[in-house]
Amino acid sequence: VQLVESGGGLVQPGGSLRLSCTTSGFTFSTYGMAWFRQAPGQEREFVAQIITNGGGTTYPDDKRGRFTISRDMAKKTIYLQMNDLKPEDTAVYYCAGRPAWKSGREYDYWGQGTQVTVSS
């Protein structure tokens, strides 16, 4: 199983970024996929989840509206569109996956992460 994130970088406050996570080694259509983030000195934080088969999404209340998770079944890729970025969004963003029948916030597979820095 491989999850490879891309799309991170430096962006000014109020700007946007779209992260990508390309996958291989498992049946994409049977998985739940998610984005997490971790800032220096902070615990890992759940950002968004999508069930690839059907596209159902879940967000914590404080992420709803500015963050949008989506998937491309043909490319076996998930995305995280982030708008109106704030300095507190600075973190390493991780893609994660698990069989869709599992629940909770425990994920089996993780990418290496991509750095997002929001600064003027």
N, C-alpha and C. Protein backbone atom coordinates (compact mmCIF):
# COMPACT_ATOMS: atom_id res chain seq x y z
N VAL A 1 0.85 -1.19 0.00
CA VAL A 1 0.00 0.00 0.00
C VAL A 1 0.89 1.24 0.00
N GLN A 2 0.56 2.17 -0.89
CA GLN A 2 1.29 3.44 -0.93
C GLN A 2 0.33 4.60 -0.99
N LEU A 3 0.60 5.59 -0.18
CA LEU A 3 -0.13 6.86 -0.20
C LEU A 3 0.90 7.95 -0.36
N VAL A 4 0.78 8.78 -1.37
CA VAL A 4 1.77 9.81 -1.64
C VAL A 4 1.09 11.16 -1.74
N GLU A 5 1.38 12.03 -0.79
CA GLU A 5 0.80 13.37 -0.79
C GLU A 5 1.63 14.33 -1.62
N SER A 6 0.99 15.33 -2.13
CA SER A 6 1.66 16.41 -2.84
C SER A 6 0.79 17.64 -2.78
N GLY A 7 1.39 18.78 -3.16
CA GLY A 7 0.61 20.01 -3.24
C GLY A 7 0.82 20.99 -2.10
N GLY A 8 1.60 20.61 -1.11
CA GLY A 8 1.88 21.53 -0.02
C GLY A 8 2.80 22.65 -0.46
N GLY A 9 2.98 23.63 0.44
CA GLY A 9 3.86 24.73 0.13
C GLY A 9 3.59 25.92 1.01
N LEU A 10 4.14 27.05 0.61
CA LEU A 10 3.98 28.30 1.33
C LEU A 10 2.88 29.12 0.67
N VAL A 11 1.94 29.59 1.47
CA VAL A 11 0.83 30.38 0.95
C VAL A 11 0.56 31.52 1.92
N GLN A 12 0.10 32.64 1.40
CA GLN A 12 -0.22 33.79 2.24
C GLN A 12 -1.58 33.59 2.92
N PRO A 13 -1.78 34.22 4.06
CA PRO A 13 -3.10 34.16 4.71
C PRO A 13 -4.19 34.60 3.73
N GLY A 14 -5.29 33.86 3.76
CA GLY A 14 -6.39 34.11 2.83
C GLY A 14 -6.27 33.36 1.53
N GLY A 15 -5.14 32.74 1.29
CA GLY A 15 -4.94 32.01 0.05
C GLY A 15 -5.52 30.60 0.09
N SER A 16 -5.32 29.88 -1.01
CA SER A 16 -5.86 28.53 -1.16
C SER A 16 -4.76 27.56 -1.60
N LEU A 17 -4.97 26.31 -1.26
CA LEU A 17 -4.11 25.23 -1.73
C LEU A 17 -4.98 24.00 -1.95
N ARG A 18 -4.56 23.15 -2.89
CA ARG A 18 -5.21 21.87 -3.05
C ARG A 18 -4.16 20.77 -2.89
N LEU A 19 -4.34 19.94 -1.90
CA LEU A 19 -3.47 18.81 -1.68
C LEU A 19 -4.01 17.59 -2.43
N SER A 20 -3.09 16.75 -2.87
CA SER A 20 -3.45 15.49 -3.53
C SER A 20 -2.82 14.32 -2.80
N CYS A 21 -3.50 13.19 -2.87
CA CYS A 21 -2.96 11.95 -2.31
C CYS A 21 -3.21 10.84 -3.33
N THR A 22 -2.16 10.42 -4.00
CA THR A 22 -2.29 9.32 -4.96
C THR A 22 -2.05 8.01 -4.25
N THR A 23 -2.83 6.99 -4.63
CA THR A 23 -2.79 5.72 -3.91
C THR A 23 -2.50 4.56 -4.83
N SER A 24 -1.98 3.50 -4.24
CA SER A 24 -1.76 2.26 -4.98
C SER A 24 -1.65 1.11 -3.99
N GLY A 25 -1.88 -0.11 -4.50
CA GLY A 25 -1.67 -1.28 -3.67
C GLY A 25 -2.89 -1.78 -2.94
N PHE A 26 -4.05 -1.17 -3.14
CA PHE A 26 -5.27 -1.66 -2.52
C PHE A 26 -6.45 -1.28 -3.40
N THR A 27 -7.60 -1.86 -3.09
CA THR A 27 -8.80 -1.60 -3.88
C THR A 27 -9.41 -0.29 -3.41
N PHE A 28 -9.15 0.76 -4.17
CA PHE A 28 -9.52 2.12 -3.76
C PHE A 28 -11.00 2.23 -3.44
N SER A 29 -11.84 1.55 -4.21
CA SER A 29 -13.29 1.71 -4.07
C SER A 29 -13.85 1.09 -2.79
N THR A 30 -13.04 0.36 -2.05
CA THR A 30 -13.51 -0.27 -0.81
C THR A 30 -12.94 0.40 0.43
N TYR A 31 -12.36 1.55 0.27
CA TYR A 31 -11.66 2.20 1.36
C TYR A 31 -12.34 3.50 1.80
N GLY A 32 -12.09 3.84 3.06
CA GLY A 32 -12.32 5.18 3.56
C GLY A 32 -10.98 5.89 3.61
N MET A 33 -10.99 7.13 3.19
CA MET A 33 -9.75 7.91 3.13
C MET A 33 -9.93 9.18 3.94
N ALA A 34 -8.85 9.70 4.45
CA ALA A 34 -8.96 10.88 5.31
C ALA A 34 -7.71 11.74 5.20
N TRP A 35 -7.87 12.96 5.65
CA TRP A 35 -6.75 13.88 5.85
C TRP A 35 -6.66 14.20 7.34
N PHE A 36 -5.43 14.20 7.82
CA PHE A 36 -5.10 14.64 9.16
C PHE A 36 -4.01 15.69 9.04
N ARG A 37 -3.79 16.40 10.12
CA ARG A 37 -2.67 17.34 10.13
C ARG A 37 -2.04 17.34 11.51
N GLN A 38 -0.78 17.75 11.55
CA GLN A 38 -0.07 17.84 12.81
C GLN A 38 0.86 19.05 12.77
N ALA A 39 0.62 19.97 13.67
CA ALA A 39 1.48 21.15 13.82
C ALA A 39 2.56 20.85 14.85
N PRO A 40 3.67 21.58 14.80
CA PRO A 40 4.77 21.35 15.76
C PRO A 40 4.27 21.44 17.20
N GLY A 41 4.57 20.44 17.99
CA GLY A 41 4.19 20.44 19.38
C GLY A 41 2.73 20.14 19.65
N GLN A 42 1.99 19.82 18.60
CA GLN A 42 0.55 19.55 18.75
C GLN A 42 0.26 18.08 18.43
N GLU A 43 -0.90 17.63 18.90
CA GLU A 43 -1.34 16.29 18.56
C GLU A 43 -1.87 16.27 17.13
N ARG A 44 -1.85 15.08 16.53
CA ARG A 44 -2.42 14.94 15.20
C ARG A 44 -3.92 15.22 15.26
N GLU A 45 -4.40 15.91 14.25
CA GLU A 45 -5.78 16.40 14.24
C GLU A 45 -6.51 15.93 12.99
N PHE A 46 -7.71 15.44 13.17
CA PHE A 46 -8.54 15.00 12.05
C PHE A 46 -9.06 16.21 11.28
N VAL A 47 -8.96 16.14 9.95
CA VAL A 47 -9.38 17.25 9.11
C VAL A 47 -10.62 16.90 8.29
N ALA A 48 -10.63 15.73 7.65
CA ALA A 48 -11.77 15.37 6.79
C ALA A 48 -11.67 13.90 6.43
N GLN A 49 -12.82 13.32 6.10
CA GLN A 49 -12.89 11.91 5.72
C GLN A 49 -13.82 11.75 4.54
N ILE A 50 -13.53 10.78 3.66
CA ILE A 50 -14.42 10.47 2.55
C ILE A 50 -14.47 8.96 2.37
N ILE A 51 -15.66 8.45 2.13
CA ILE A 51 -15.83 7.06 1.74
C ILE A 51 -15.79 7.02 0.22
N THR A 52 -14.80 6.32 -0.35
CA THR A 52 -14.59 6.42 -1.79
C THR A 52 -15.80 5.92 -2.58
N ASN A 53 -16.44 4.85 -2.10
CA ASN A 53 -17.62 4.32 -2.78
C ASN A 53 -18.86 5.07 -2.29
N GLY A 54 -19.28 6.03 -3.05
CA GLY A 54 -20.44 6.83 -2.65
C GLY A 54 -20.09 8.27 -2.37
N GLY A 55 -18.88 8.52 -1.90
CA GLY A 55 -18.41 9.88 -1.71
C GLY A 55 -18.88 10.58 -0.46
N GLY A 56 -19.45 9.85 0.49
CA GLY A 56 -19.89 10.49 1.72
C GLY A 56 -18.72 11.11 2.47
N THR A 57 -18.91 12.31 2.99
CA THR A 57 -17.83 13.02 3.65
C THR A 57 -18.17 13.37 5.10
N THR A 58 -17.14 13.55 5.88
CA THR A 58 -17.27 13.94 7.29
C THR A 58 -16.20 14.97 7.60
N TYR A 59 -16.61 16.00 8.33
CA TYR A 59 -15.68 17.04 8.75
C TYR A 59 -15.93 17.35 10.23
N PRO A 60 -14.89 17.71 10.96
CA PRO A 60 -15.16 18.30 12.27
C PRO A 60 -15.77 19.68 12.06
N ASP A 61 -16.53 20.15 13.03
CA ASP A 61 -17.26 21.41 12.85
C ASP A 61 -16.35 22.58 12.49
N ASP A 62 -15.16 22.62 13.05
CA ASP A 62 -14.31 23.78 12.81
C ASP A 62 -13.62 23.75 11.46
N LYS A 63 -13.77 22.65 10.70
CA LYS A 63 -13.16 22.57 9.38
C LYS A 63 -14.21 22.69 8.27
N ARG A 64 -15.45 22.52 8.64
CA ARG A 64 -16.52 22.56 7.64
C ARG A 64 -16.61 23.95 7.03
N GLY A 65 -16.64 24.02 5.71
CA GLY A 65 -16.76 25.29 5.02
C GLY A 65 -15.48 25.73 4.34
N ARG A 66 -14.35 25.69 5.04
CA ARG A 66 -13.09 26.10 4.42
C ARG A 66 -12.35 24.93 3.78
N PHE A 67 -12.63 23.71 4.21
CA PHE A 67 -11.93 22.53 3.71
C PHE A 67 -12.93 21.63 2.99
N THR A 68 -12.51 21.11 1.84
CA THR A 68 -13.36 20.19 1.08
C THR A 68 -12.54 18.99 0.64
N ILE A 69 -12.99 17.81 1.01
CA ILE A 69 -12.34 16.58 0.58
C ILE A 69 -13.11 16.00 -0.60
N SER A 70 -12.38 15.46 -1.57
CA SER A 70 -13.02 14.86 -2.74
C SER A 70 -12.14 13.72 -3.24
N ARG A 71 -12.70 12.97 -4.20
CA ARG A 71 -11.90 11.85 -4.72
C ARG A 71 -12.14 11.71 -6.22
N ASP A 72 -11.15 11.14 -6.91
CA ASP A 72 -11.23 10.80 -8.32
C ASP A 72 -11.04 9.29 -8.40
N MET A 73 -12.14 8.58 -8.67
CA MET A 73 -12.07 7.12 -8.65
C MET A 73 -11.14 6.59 -9.73
N ALA A 74 -11.14 7.21 -10.91
CA ALA A 74 -10.30 6.73 -12.02
C ALA A 74 -8.82 6.89 -11.70
N LYS A 75 -8.48 7.97 -11.02
CA LYS A 75 -7.08 8.24 -10.69
C LYS A 75 -6.68 7.66 -9.34
N LYS A 76 -7.65 7.11 -8.59
CA LYS A 76 -7.39 6.57 -7.25
C LYS A 76 -6.68 7.62 -6.40
N THR A 77 -7.24 8.78 -6.40
CA THR A 77 -6.63 9.94 -5.75
C THR A 77 -7.68 10.67 -4.93
N ILE A 78 -7.27 11.15 -3.77
CA ILE A 78 -8.13 12.05 -3.02
C ILE A 78 -7.49 13.43 -2.95
N TYR A 79 -8.32 14.42 -2.69
CA TYR A 79 -7.87 15.79 -2.67
C TYR A 79 -8.36 16.48 -1.41
N LEU A 80 -7.66 17.53 -1.03
CA LEU A 80 -8.14 18.41 0.03
C LEU A 80 -8.00 19.83 -0.48
N GLN A 81 -9.13 20.45 -0.76
CA GLN A 81 -9.15 21.85 -1.16
C GLN A 81 -9.25 22.70 0.10
N MET A 82 -8.31 23.60 0.28
CA MET A 82 -8.27 24.44 1.48
C MET A 82 -8.34 25.90 1.06
N ASN A 83 -9.33 26.60 1.55
CA ASN A 83 -9.55 28.00 1.21
C ASN A 83 -9.44 28.89 2.43
N ASP A 84 -9.22 30.18 2.17
CA ASP A 84 -9.12 31.16 3.26
C ASP A 84 -8.17 30.67 4.34
N LEU A 85 -6.99 30.29 3.93
CA LEU A 85 -6.05 29.69 4.87
C LEU A 85 -5.56 30.71 5.90
N LYS A 86 -5.32 30.21 7.10
CA LYS A 86 -4.90 31.03 8.23
C LYS A 86 -3.57 30.51 8.76
N PRO A 87 -2.81 31.35 9.44
CA PRO A 87 -1.53 30.88 9.98
C PRO A 87 -1.68 29.63 10.85
N GLU A 88 -2.79 29.50 11.54
CA GLU A 88 -2.99 28.33 12.40
C GLU A 88 -3.25 27.05 11.60
N ASP A 89 -3.39 27.16 10.29
CA ASP A 89 -3.51 25.96 9.45
C ASP A 89 -2.14 25.38 9.10
N THR A 90 -1.08 26.08 9.49
CA THR A 90 0.27 25.58 9.24
C THR A 90 0.48 24.26 9.94
N ALA A 91 0.87 23.24 9.18
CA ALA A 91 1.04 21.90 9.72
C ALA A 91 1.56 20.99 8.62
N VAL A 92 1.95 19.79 9.00
CA VAL A 92 2.17 18.72 8.04
C VAL A 92 0.83 18.01 7.86
N TYR A 93 0.43 17.87 6.61
CA TYR A 93 -0.85 17.26 6.29
C TYR A 93 -0.61 15.83 5.80
N TYR A 94 -1.34 14.90 6.39
CA TYR A 94 -1.17 13.48 6.08
C TYR A 94 -2.45 12.91 5.48
N CYS A 95 -2.26 12.05 4.51
CA CYS A 95 -3.32 11.25 3.93
C CYS A 95 -3.33 9.89 4.63
N ALA A 96 -4.52 9.35 4.87
CA ALA A 96 -4.63 8.06 5.55
C ALA A 96 -5.75 7.24 4.93
N GLY A 97 -5.62 5.92 5.03
CA GLY A 97 -6.64 5.05 4.45
C GLY A 97 -6.89 3.82 5.30
N ARG A 98 -8.09 3.26 5.17
CA ARG A 98 -8.46 2.03 5.87
C ARG A 98 -9.66 1.42 5.15
N PRO A 99 -9.89 0.14 5.32
CA PRO A 99 -11.10 -0.46 4.76
C PRO A 99 -12.34 0.29 5.23
N ALA A 100 -13.27 0.47 4.34
CA ALA A 100 -14.45 1.29 4.63
C ALA A 100 -15.32 0.73 5.73
N TRP A 101 -15.23 -0.56 6.00
CA TRP A 101 -16.09 -1.14 7.04
C TRP A 101 -15.64 -0.75 8.44
N LYS A 102 -14.41 -0.26 8.57
CA LYS A 102 -13.93 0.15 9.88
C LYS A 102 -14.49 1.53 10.23
N SER A 103 -14.60 1.79 11.51
CA SER A 103 -15.14 3.07 11.95
C SER A 103 -14.16 3.74 12.92
N GLY A 104 -14.52 4.90 13.39
CA GLY A 104 -13.65 5.64 14.31
C GLY A 104 -12.59 6.42 13.57
N ARG A 105 -11.52 6.76 14.28
CA ARG A 105 -10.46 7.59 13.72
C ARG A 105 -9.14 6.84 13.59
N GLU A 106 -9.17 5.50 13.69
CA GLU A 106 -7.95 4.71 13.54
C GLU A 106 -7.80 4.32 12.07
N TYR A 107 -6.66 4.66 11.49
CA TYR A 107 -6.41 4.36 10.09
C TYR A 107 -5.21 3.43 9.96
N ASP A 108 -5.24 2.58 8.94
CA ASP A 108 -4.24 1.53 8.78
C ASP A 108 -3.00 2.01 8.02
N TYR A 109 -3.20 2.89 7.06
CA TYR A 109 -2.11 3.27 6.17
C TYR A 109 -1.97 4.78 6.13
N TRP A 110 -0.72 5.24 6.05
CA TRP A 110 -0.43 6.67 6.11
C TRP A 110 0.60 7.05 5.05
N GLY A 111 0.43 8.27 4.53
CA GLY A 111 1.45 8.82 3.66
C GLY A 111 2.56 9.46 4.47
N GLN A 112 3.52 10.03 3.75
CA GLN A 112 4.68 10.62 4.41
C GLN A 112 4.43 12.06 4.86
N GLY A 113 3.36 12.65 4.37
CA GLY A 113 3.01 14.01 4.75
C GLY A 113 3.52 15.05 3.79
N THR A 114 2.82 16.18 3.76
CA THR A 114 3.24 17.32 2.97
C THR A 114 3.09 18.58 3.82
N GLN A 115 4.10 19.44 3.78
CA GLN A 115 4.12 20.62 4.64
C GLN A 115 3.28 21.74 4.02
N VAL A 116 2.42 22.31 4.84
CA VAL A 116 1.67 23.51 4.47
C VAL A 116 2.06 24.61 5.45
N THR A 117 2.53 25.73 4.90
CA THR A 117 2.91 26.86 5.73
C THR A 117 2.12 28.08 5.27
N VAL A 118 1.41 28.68 6.20
CA VAL A 118 0.61 29.86 5.90
C VAL A 118 1.25 31.05 6.60
N SER A 119 1.81 31.93 5.81
CA SER A 119 2.57 33.05 6.38
C SER A 119 2.68 34.16 5.36
N SER A 120 2.71 35.39 5.87
CA SER A 120 2.93 36.54 4.98
C SER A 120 4.41 36.88 4.92
